[in-house]
Amino acid sequence: MRIGLARLIRGALTHAKMLLLVCVALGMGGAGTFLLEGRLNSDLGQLIQPKGDQNWYQSNQAFQAAFPTYQQTALVVVRGRDAFAVETARSEE
């Protein structure tokens, strides 16, 4: 094990420029692939498609049909000791 590790380290040091070039090329290739193929999708309607009779999914579909203007929105809940604390937290945006 030690001999193999020593040979690996010695080879990496001997061919340091080539190793660096390969690492940079792999990194750039990975970044390019992510830019072309990587997509971040936060639409739960597309990410989660349940099988069978799922009550929560049916309720969500009904909500989307009833309130189409509220799609792709976020809801923030602020909790505090009293109304003044909540108003103070809200105004400190």
PDB file of N, CA and C in Angstrom:
ATOM      1  N   MET A   1       0.827  -1.188   0.000  1.00  0.00           N
ATOM      2  CA  MET A   1       0.000   0.000   0.000  1.00  0.00           C
ATOM      3  C   MET A   1       0.872   1.252   0.000  1.00  0.00           C
ATOM      4  N   ARG A   2       1.886   1.264   0.867  1.00  0.00           N
ATOM      5  CA  ARG A   2       2.758   2.439   0.946  1.00  0.00           C
ATOM      6  C   ARG A   2       3.548   2.623  -0.340  1.00  0.00           C
ATOM      7  N   ILE A   3       3.969   1.517  -0.934  1.00  0.00           N
ATOM      8  CA  ILE A   3       4.750   1.605  -2.169  1.00  0.00           C
ATOM      9  C   ILE A   3       3.877   2.156  -3.293  1.00  0.00           C
ATOM     10  N   GLY A   4       2.639   1.688  -3.370  1.00  0.00           N
ATOM     11  CA  GLY A   4       1.720   2.185  -4.395  1.00  0.00           C
ATOM     12  C   GLY A   4       1.404   3.652  -4.212  1.00  0.00           C
ATOM     13  N   LEU A   5       1.209   4.060  -2.970  1.00  0.00           N
ATOM     14  CA  LEU A   5       0.927   5.465  -2.683  1.00  0.00           C
ATOM     15  C   LEU A   5       2.144   6.327  -3.007  1.00  0.00           C
ATOM     16  N   ALA A   6       3.320   5.834  -2.670  1.00  0.00           N
ATOM     17  CA  ALA A   6       4.550   6.574  -2.969  1.00  0.00           C
ATOM     18  C   ALA A   6       4.729   6.721  -4.477  1.00  0.00           C
ATOM     19  N   ARG A   7       4.454   5.657  -5.233  1.00  0.00           N
ATOM     20  CA  ARG A   7       4.558   5.731  -6.693  1.00  0.00           C
ATOM     21  C   ARG A   7       3.556   6.722  -7.264  1.00  0.00           C
ATOM     22  N   LEU A   8       2.351   6.745  -6.703  1.00  0.00           N
ATOM     23  CA  LEU A   8       1.317   7.668  -7.165  1.00  0.00           C
ATOM     24  C   LEU A   8       1.730   9.116  -6.915  1.00  0.00           C
ATOM     25  N   ILE A   9       2.241   9.383  -5.730  1.00  0.00           N
ATOM     26  CA  ILE A   9       2.689  10.741  -5.400  1.00  0.00           C
ATOM     27  C   ILE A   9       3.882  11.135  -6.265  1.00  0.00           C
ATOM     28  N   ARG A  10       4.826  10.219  -6.429  1.00  0.00           N
ATOM     29  CA  ARG A  10       5.998  10.507  -7.255  1.00  0.00           C
ATOM     30  C   ARG A  10       5.581  10.782  -8.703  1.00  0.00           C
ATOM     31  N   GLY A  11       4.646  10.009  -9.217  1.00  0.00           N
ATOM     32  CA  GLY A  11       4.158  10.231 -10.583  1.00  0.00           C
ATOM     33  C   GLY A  11       3.437  11.555 -10.718  1.00  0.00           C
ATOM     34  N   ALA A  12       2.644  11.919  -9.703  1.00  0.00           N
ATOM     35  CA  ALA A  12       1.933  13.203  -9.741  1.00  0.00           C
ATOM     36  C   ALA A  12       2.907  14.366  -9.711  1.00  0.00           C
ATOM     37  N   LEU A  13       3.972  14.240  -8.916  1.00  0.00           N
ATOM     38  CA  LEU A  13       4.965  15.309  -8.847  1.00  0.00           C
ATOM     39  C   LEU A  13       5.799  15.388 -10.121  1.00  0.00           C
ATOM     40  N   THR A  14       6.086  14.242 -10.705  1.00  0.00           N
ATOM     41  CA  THR A  14       6.874  14.211 -11.933  1.00  0.00           C
ATOM     42  C   THR A  14       6.106  14.837 -13.094  1.00  0.00           C
ATOM     43  N   HIS A  15       4.815  14.559 -13.152  1.00  0.00           N
ATOM     44  CA  HIS A  15       3.977  15.044 -14.255  1.00  0.00           C
ATOM     45  C   HIS A  15       2.989  16.098 -13.752  1.00  0.00           C
ATOM     46  N   ALA A  16       3.472  17.018 -12.932  1.00  0.00           N
ATOM     47  CA  ALA A  16       2.592  18.006 -12.295  1.00  0.00           C
ATOM     48  C   ALA A  16       1.906  18.903 -13.322  1.00  0.00           C
ATOM     49  N   LYS A  17       2.637  19.326 -14.347  1.00  0.00           N
ATOM     50  CA  LYS A  17       2.027  20.201 -15.350  1.00  0.00           C
ATOM     51  C   LYS A  17       0.909  19.485 -16.099  1.00  0.00           C
ATOM     52  N   MET A  18       1.156  18.246 -16.466  1.00  0.00           N
ATOM     53  CA  MET A  18       0.135  17.478 -17.182  1.00  0.00           C
ATOM     54  C   MET A  18      -1.066  17.215 -16.277  1.00  0.00           C
ATOM     55  N   LEU A  19      -0.824  16.907 -15.023  1.00  0.00           N
ATOM     56  CA  LEU A  19      -1.905  16.667 -14.067  1.00  0.00           C
ATOM     57  C   LEU A  19      -2.744  17.925 -13.879  1.00  0.00           C
ATOM     58  N   LEU A  20      -2.091  19.066 -13.772  1.00  0.00           N
ATOM     59  CA  LEU A  20      -2.809  20.334 -13.632  1.00  0.00           C
ATOM     60  C   LEU A  20      -3.635  20.619 -14.880  1.00  0.00           C
ATOM     61  N   LEU A  21      -3.068  20.373 -16.045  1.00  0.00           N
ATOM     62  CA  LEU A  21      -3.783  20.590 -17.297  1.00  0.00           C
ATOM     63  C   LEU A  21      -5.014  19.690 -17.391  1.00  0.00           C
ATOM     64  N   VAL A  22      -4.883  18.439 -17.008  1.00  0.00           N
ATOM     65  CA  VAL A  22      -6.017  17.510 -17.035  1.00  0.00           C
ATOM     66  C   VAL A  22      -7.092  17.950 -16.049  1.00  0.00           C
ATOM     67  N   CYS A  23      -6.697  18.365 -14.849  1.00  0.00           N
ATOM     68  CA  CYS A  23      -7.675  18.817 -13.845  1.00  0.00           C
ATOM     69  C   CYS A  23      -8.418  20.063 -14.315  1.00  0.00           C
ATOM     70  N   VAL A  24      -7.698  21.014 -14.908  1.00  0.00           N
ATOM     71  CA  VAL A  24      -8.339  22.232 -15.419  1.00  0.00           C
ATOM     72  C   VAL A  24      -9.291  21.881 -16.562  1.00  0.00           C
ATOM     73  N   ALA A  25      -8.862  21.000 -17.455  1.00  0.00           N
ATOM     74  CA  ALA A  25      -9.721  20.607 -18.575  1.00  0.00           C
ATOM     75  C   ALA A  25     -10.981  19.901 -18.081  1.00  0.00           C
ATOM     76  N   LEU A  26     -10.840  19.016 -17.100  1.00  0.00           N
ATOM     77  CA  LEU A  26     -12.012  18.335 -16.547  1.00  0.00           C
ATOM     78  C   LEU A  26     -12.947  19.315 -15.848  1.00  0.00           C
ATOM     79  N   GLY A  27     -12.382  20.262 -15.120  1.00  0.00           N
ATOM     80  CA  GLY A  27     -13.205  21.270 -14.453  1.00  0.00           C
ATOM     81  C   GLY A  27     -13.966  22.135 -15.440  1.00  0.00           C
ATOM     82  N   MET A  28     -13.279  22.572 -16.489  1.00  0.00           N
ATOM     83  CA  MET A  28     -13.943  23.395 -17.501  1.00  0.00           C
ATOM     84  C   MET A  28     -14.991  22.592 -18.263  1.00  0.00           C
ATOM     85  N   GLY A  29     -14.692  21.343 -18.520  1.00  0.00           N
ATOM     86  CA  GLY A  29     -15.675  20.489 -19.190  1.00  0.00           C
ATOM     87  C   GLY A  29     -16.910  20.274 -18.330  1.00  0.00           C
ATOM     88  N   GLY A  30     -16.704  20.072 -17.039  1.00  0.00           N
ATOM     89  CA  GLY A  30     -17.841  19.917 -16.129  1.00  0.00           C
ATOM     90  C   GLY A  30     -18.668  21.177 -16.019  1.00  0.00           C
ATOM     91  N   ALA A  31     -17.995  22.324 -15.945  1.00  0.00           N
ATOM     92  CA  ALA A  31     -18.722  23.597 -15.872  1.00  0.00           C
ATOM     93  C   ALA A  31     -19.492  23.850 -17.162  1.00  0.00           C
ATOM     94  N   GLY A  32     -18.885  23.549 -18.286  1.00  0.00           N
ATOM     95  CA  GLY A  32     -19.577  23.716 -19.568  1.00  0.00           C
ATOM     96  C   GLY A  32     -20.775  22.801 -19.696  1.00  0.00           C
ATOM     97  N   THR A  33     -20.623  21.567 -19.261  1.00  0.00           N
ATOM     98  CA  THR A  33     -21.743  20.629 -19.295  1.00  0.00           C
ATOM     99  C   THR A  33     -22.876  21.103 -18.406  1.00  0.00           C
ATOM    100  N   PHE A  34     -22.553  21.623 -17.222  1.00  0.00           N
ATOM    101  CA  PHE A  34     -23.602  22.127 -16.335  1.00  0.00           C
ATOM    102  C   PHE A  34     -24.309  23.327 -16.960  1.00  0.00           C
ATOM    103  N   LEU A  35     -23.548  24.223 -17.590  1.00  0.00           N
ATOM    104  CA  LEU A  35     -24.168  25.391 -18.215  1.00  0.00           C
ATOM    105  C   LEU A  35     -25.110  24.991 -19.344  1.00  0.00           C
ATOM    106  N   LEU A  36     -24.756  23.954 -20.091  1.00  0.00           N
ATOM    107  CA  LEU A  36     -25.597  23.529 -21.203  1.00  0.00           C
ATOM    108  C   LEU A  36     -26.755  22.639 -20.764  1.00  0.00           C
ATOM    109  N   GLU A  37     -26.517  21.750 -19.828  1.00  0.00           N
ATOM    110  CA  GLU A  37     -27.509  20.744 -19.465  1.00  0.00           C
ATOM    111  C   GLU A  37     -28.162  20.950 -18.110  1.00  0.00           C
ATOM    112  N   GLY A  38     -27.519  21.680 -17.220  1.00  0.00           N
ATOM    113  CA  GLY A  38     -28.033  21.825 -15.860  1.00  0.00           C
ATOM    114  C   GLY A  38     -29.185  22.803 -15.802  1.00  0.00           C
ATOM    115  N   ARG A  39     -30.280  22.361 -15.230  1.00  0.00           N
ATOM    116  CA  ARG A  39     -31.442  23.215 -15.064  1.00  0.00           C
ATOM    117  C   ARG A  39     -31.946  23.061 -13.642  1.00  0.00           C
ATOM    118  N   LEU A  40     -32.169  24.185 -12.988  1.00  0.00           N
ATOM    119  CA  LEU A  40     -32.746  24.167 -11.655  1.00  0.00           C
ATOM    120  C   LEU A  40     -34.223  24.459 -11.800  1.00  0.00           C
ATOM    121  N   ASN A  41     -35.053  23.558 -11.316  1.00  0.00           N
ATOM    122  CA  ASN A  41     -36.491  23.690 -11.463  1.00  0.00           C
ATOM    123  C   ASN A  41     -37.119  23.645 -10.083  1.00  0.00           C
ATOM    124  N   SER A  42     -37.831  24.696  -9.730  1.00  0.00           N
ATOM    125  CA  SER A  42     -38.477  24.727  -8.421  1.00  0.00           C
ATOM    126  C   SER A  42     -39.985  24.589  -8.525  1.00  0.00           C
ATOM    127  N   ASP A  43     -40.500  24.255  -9.683  1.00  0.00           N
ATOM    128  CA  ASP A  43     -41.933  24.070  -9.856  1.00  0.00           C
ATOM    129  C   ASP A  43     -42.305  22.672  -9.372  1.00  0.00           C
ATOM    130  N   LEU A  44     -42.944  22.616  -8.203  1.00  0.00           N
ATOM    131  CA  LEU A  44     -43.274  21.318  -7.616  1.00  0.00           C
ATOM    132  C   LEU A  44     -44.242  20.527  -8.474  1.00  0.00           C
ATOM    133  N   GLY A  45     -45.033  21.200  -9.277  1.00  0.00           N
ATOM    134  CA  GLY A  45     -45.950  20.503 -10.173  1.00  0.00           C
ATOM    135  C   GLY A  45     -45.218  19.656 -11.193  1.00  0.00           C
ATOM    136  N   GLN A  46     -44.016  20.065 -11.559  1.00  0.00           N
ATOM    137  CA  GLN A  46     -43.220  19.286 -12.503  1.00  0.00           C
ATOM    138  C   GLN A  46     -42.267  18.331 -11.798  1.00  0.00           C
ATOM    139  N   LEU A  47     -41.814  18.700 -10.607  1.00  0.00           N
ATOM    140  CA  LEU A  47     -40.854  17.856  -9.896  1.00  0.00           C
ATOM    141  C   LEU A  47     -41.520  16.654  -9.238  1.00  0.00           C
ATOM    142  N   ILE A  48     -42.713  16.872  -8.695  1.00  0.00           N
ATOM    143  CA  ILE A  48     -43.399  15.809  -7.958  1.00  0.00           C
ATOM    144  C   ILE A  48     -44.667  15.445  -8.703  1.00  0.00           C
ATOM    145  N   GLN A  49     -44.721  14.256  -9.223  1.00  0.00           N
ATOM    146  CA  GLN A  49     -45.929  13.770  -9.864  1.00  0.00           C
ATOM    147  C   GLN A  49     -46.308  12.464  -9.175  1.00  0.00           C
ATOM    148  N   PRO A  50     -47.181  12.561  -8.173  1.00  0.00           N
ATOM    149  CA  PRO A  50     -47.498  11.384  -7.368  1.00  0.00           C
ATOM    150  C   PRO A  50     -48.318  10.354  -8.133  1.00  0.00           C
ATOM    151  N   LYS A  51     -48.193   9.139  -7.682  1.00  0.00           N
ATOM    152  CA  LYS A  51     -48.952   8.036  -8.262  1.00  0.00           C
ATOM    153  C   LYS A  51     -50.124   7.722  -7.348  1.00  0.00           C
ATOM    154  N   GLY A  52     -51.199   7.296  -7.939  1.00  0.00           N
ATOM    155  CA  GLY A  52     -52.350   6.897  -7.139  1.00  0.00           C
ATOM    156  C   GLY A  52     -53.174   8.083  -6.682  1.00  0.00           C
ATOM    157  N   ASP A  53     -54.021   7.833  -5.699  1.00  0.00           N
ATOM    158  CA  ASP A  53     -54.924   8.854  -5.181  1.00  0.00           C
ATOM    159  C   ASP A  53     -54.236   9.596  -4.041  1.00  0.00           C
ATOM    160  N   GLN A  54     -53.694  10.745  -4.340  1.00  0.00           N
ATOM    161  CA  GLN A  54     -53.009  11.560  -3.347  1.00  0.00           C
ATOM    162  C   GLN A  54     -53.868  12.783  -3.049  1.00  0.00           C
ATOM    163  N   ASN A  55     -54.392  12.870  -1.833  1.00  0.00           N
ATOM    164  CA  ASN A  55     -55.285  13.971  -1.475  1.00  0.00           C
ATOM    165  C   ASN A  55     -54.601  15.325  -1.562  1.00  0.00           C
ATOM    166  N   TRP A  56     -53.361  15.423  -1.089  1.00  0.00           N
ATOM    167  CA  TRP A  56     -52.680  16.710  -1.098  1.00  0.00           C
ATOM    168  C   TRP A  56     -52.460  17.208  -2.512  1.00  0.00           C
ATOM    169  N   TYR A  57     -52.159  16.289  -3.429  1.00  0.00           N
ATOM    170  CA  TYR A  57     -51.916  16.695  -4.814  1.00  0.00           C
ATOM    171  C   TYR A  57     -53.211  17.153  -5.473  1.00  0.00           C
ATOM    172  N   GLN A  58     -54.298  16.430  -5.193  1.00  0.00           N
ATOM    173  CA  GLN A  58     -55.597  16.829  -5.737  1.00  0.00           C
ATOM    174  C   GLN A  58     -56.007  18.192  -5.191  1.00  0.00           C
ATOM    175  N   SER A  59     -55.760  18.436  -3.907  1.00  0.00           N
ATOM    176  CA  SER A  59     -56.081  19.736  -3.311  1.00  0.00           C
ATOM    177  C   SER A  59     -55.251  20.843  -3.950  1.00  0.00           C
ATOM    178  N   ASN A  60     -53.988  20.562  -4.200  1.00  0.00           N
ATOM    179  CA  ASN A  60     -53.122  21.551  -4.843  1.00  0.00           C
ATOM    180  C   ASN A  60     -53.597  21.853  -6.260  1.00  0.00           C
ATOM    181  N   GLN A  61     -54.000  20.836  -6.987  1.00  0.00           N
ATOM    182  CA  GLN A  61     -54.514  21.050  -8.336  1.00  0.00           C
ATOM    183  C   GLN A  61     -55.780  21.898  -8.305  1.00  0.00           C
ATOM    184  N   ALA A  62     -56.669  21.637  -7.341  1.00  0.00           N
ATOM    185  CA  ALA A  62     -57.897  22.424  -7.210  1.00  0.00           C
ATOM    186  C   ALA A  62     -57.568  23.869  -6.853  1.00  0.00           C
ATOM    187  N   PHE A  63     -56.593  24.076  -5.967  1.00  0.00           N
ATOM    188  CA  PHE A  63     -56.173  25.429  -5.595  1.00  0.00           C
ATOM    189  C   PHE A  63     -55.616  26.171  -6.804  1.00  0.00           C
ATOM    190  N   GLN A  64     -54.798  25.496  -7.590  1.00  0.00           N
ATOM    191  CA  GLN A  64     -54.229  26.130  -8.778  1.00  0.00           C
ATOM    192  C   GLN A  64     -55.312  26.520  -9.772  1.00  0.00           C
ATOM    193  N   ALA A  65     -56.328  25.676  -9.912  1.00  0.00           N
ATOM    194  CA  ALA A  65     -57.419  25.997 -10.834  1.00  0.00           C
ATOM    195  C   ALA A  65     -58.257  27.158 -10.312  1.00  0.00           C
ATOM    196  N   ALA A  66     -58.470  27.220  -8.999  1.00  0.00           N
ATOM    197  CA  ALA A  66     -59.310  28.266  -8.414  1.00  0.00           C
ATOM    198  C   ALA A  66     -58.588  29.608  -8.330  1.00  0.00           C
ATOM    199  N   PHE A  67     -57.278  29.592  -8.085  1.00  0.00           N
ATOM    200  CA  PHE A  67     -56.517  30.832  -7.892  1.00  0.00           C
ATOM    201  C   PHE A  67     -55.278  30.853  -8.794  1.00  0.00           C
ATOM    202  N   PRO A  68     -55.452  31.041 -10.075  1.00  0.00           N
ATOM    203  CA  PRO A  68     -54.288  31.000 -10.977  1.00  0.00           C
ATOM    204  C   PRO A  68     -53.308  32.155 -10.774  1.00  0.00           C
ATOM    205  N   THR A  69     -53.761  33.268 -10.187  1.00  0.00           N
ATOM    206  CA  THR A  69     -52.847  34.399 -10.000  1.00  0.00           C
ATOM    207  C   THR A  69     -51.870  34.175  -8.855  1.00  0.00           C
ATOM    208  N   TYR A  70     -52.126  33.184  -8.012  1.00  0.00           N
ATOM    209  CA  TYR A  70     -51.252  32.937  -6.867  1.00  0.00           C
ATOM    210  C   TYR A  70     -50.219  31.845  -7.133  1.00  0.00           C
ATOM    211  N   GLN A  71     -49.946  31.529  -8.377  1.00  0.00           N
ATOM    212  CA  GLN A  71     -48.943  30.527  -8.707  1.00  0.00           C
ATOM    213  C   GLN A  71     -47.559  31.158  -8.655  1.00  0.00           C
ATOM    214  N   GLN A  72     -46.573  30.370  -8.316  1.00  0.00           N
ATOM    215  CA  GLN A  72     -45.176  30.807  -8.247  1.00  0.00           C
ATOM    216  C   GLN A  72     -44.996  31.967  -7.271  1.00  0.00           C
ATOM    217  N   THR A  73     -45.646  31.885  -6.138  1.00  0.00           N
ATOM    218  CA  THR A  73     -45.505  32.903  -5.101  1.00  0.00           C
ATOM    219  C   THR A  73     -44.959  32.254  -3.842  1.00  0.00           C
ATOM    220  N   ALA A  74     -44.477  33.070  -2.947  1.00  0.00           N
ATOM    221  CA  ALA A  74     -43.949  32.577  -1.676  1.00  0.00           C
ATOM    222  C   ALA A  74     -44.749  33.199  -0.541  1.00  0.00           C
ATOM    223  N   LEU A  75     -44.926  32.448   0.509  1.00  0.00           N
ATOM    224  CA  LEU A  75     -45.641  32.913   1.687  1.00  0.00           C
ATOM    225  C   LEU A  75     -44.653  32.945   2.844  1.00  0.00           C
ATOM    226  N   VAL A  76     -44.588  34.068   3.522  1.00  0.00           N
ATOM    227  CA  VAL A  76     -43.672  34.219   4.651  1.00  0.00           C
ATOM    228  C   VAL A  76     -44.496  34.422   5.909  1.00  0.00           C
ATOM    229  N   VAL A  77     -44.214  33.633   6.929  1.00  0.00           N
ATOM    230  CA  VAL A  77     -44.910  33.746   8.207  1.00  0.00           C
ATOM    231  C   VAL A  77     -43.930  34.322   9.218  1.00  0.00           C
ATOM    232  N   VAL A  78     -44.326  35.422   9.845  1.00  0.00           N
ATOM    233  CA  VAL A  78     -43.493  36.060  10.860  1.00  0.00           C
ATOM    234  C   VAL A  78     -44.172  35.849  12.197  1.00  0.00           C
ATOM    235  N   ARG A  79     -43.431  35.356  13.159  1.00  0.00           N
ATOM    236  CA  ARG A  79     -43.981  35.055  14.474  1.00  0.00           C
ATOM    237  C   ARG A  79     -43.246  35.889  15.517  1.00  0.00           C
ATOM    238  N   GLY A  80     -43.991  36.426  16.471  1.00  0.00           N
ATOM    239  CA  GLY A  80     -43.369  37.227  17.511  1.00  0.00           C
ATOM    240  C   GLY A  80     -44.152  37.159  18.805  1.00  0.00           C
ATOM    241  N   ARG A  81     -43.617  37.822  19.837  1.00  0.00           N
ATOM    242  CA  ARG A  81     -44.273  37.819  21.149  1.00  0.00           C
ATOM    243  C   ARG A  81     -45.626  38.512  21.094  1.00  0.00           C
ATOM    244  N   ASP A  82     -45.669  39.606  20.334  1.00  0.00           N
ATOM    245  CA  ASP A  82     -46.905  40.378  20.231  1.00  0.00           C
ATOM    246  C   ASP A  82     -46.936  41.071  18.869  1.00  0.00           C
ATOM    247  N   ALA A  83     -47.999  41.831  18.606  1.00  0.00           N
ATOM    248  CA  ALA A  83     -48.162  42.487  17.311  1.00  0.00           C
ATOM    249  C   ALA A  83     -47.056  43.506  17.054  1.00  0.00           C
ATOM    250  N   PHE A  84     -46.601  44.197  18.092  1.00  0.00           N
ATOM    251  CA  PHE A  84     -45.543  45.193  17.920  1.00  0.00           C
ATOM    252  C   PHE A  84     -44.241  44.539  17.448  1.00  0.00           C
ATOM    253  N   ALA A  85     -43.896  43.398  18.038  1.00  0.00           N
ATOM    254  CA  ALA A  85     -42.669  42.696  17.638  1.00  0.00           C
ATOM    255  C   ALA A  85     -42.753  42.241  16.184  1.00  0.00           C
ATOM    256  N   VAL A  86     -43.933  41.792  15.772  1.00  0.00           N
ATOM    257  CA  VAL A  86     -44.106  41.351  14.389  1.00  0.00           C
ATOM    258  C   VAL A  86     -44.003  42.539  13.439  1.00  0.00           C
ATOM    259  N   GLU A  87     -44.637  43.646  13.784  1.00  0.00           N
ATOM    260  CA  GLU A  87     -44.563  44.842  12.941  1.00  0.00           C
ATOM    261  C   GLU A  87     -43.131  45.364  12.855  1.00  0.00           C
ATOM    262  N   THR A  88     -42.410  45.313  13.963  1.00  0.00           N
ATOM    263  CA  THR A  88     -41.020  45.757  13.967  1.00  0.00           C
ATOM    264  C   THR A  88     -40.174  44.870  13.056  1.00  0.00           C
ATOM    265  N   ALA A  89     -40.381  43.566  13.134  1.00  0.00           N
ATOM    266  CA  ALA A  89     -39.631  42.641  12.279  1.00  0.00           C
ATOM    267  C   ALA A  89     -39.987  42.864  10.815  1.00  0.00           C
ATOM    268  N   ARG A  90     -41.246  43.148  10.537  1.00  0.00           N
ATOM    269  CA  ARG A  90     -41.682  43.365   9.161  1.00  0.00           C
ATOM    270  C   ARG A  90     -41.090  44.644   8.588  1.00  0.00           C
ATOM    271  N   SER A  91     -40.977  45.677   9.407  1.00  0.00           N
ATOM    272  CA  SER A  91     -40.486  46.962   8.911  1.00  0.00           C
ATOM    273  C   SER A  91     -38.963  47.012   8.806  1.00  0.00           C
ATOM    274  N   GLU A  92     -38.257  46.020   9.323  1.00  0.00           N
ATOM    275  CA  GLU A  92     -36.787  45.994   9.275  1.00  0.00           C
ATOM    276  C   GLU A  92     -36.260  45.336   8.013  1.00  0.00           C
ATOM    277  N   GLU A  93     -37.059  45.241   7.004  1.00  0.00           N
ATOM    278  CA  GLU A  93     -36.628  44.624   5.748  1.00  0.00           C
ATOM    279  C   GLU A  93     -35.536  45.409   5.218  1.00  0.00           C
TER     280      GLU A  93
END
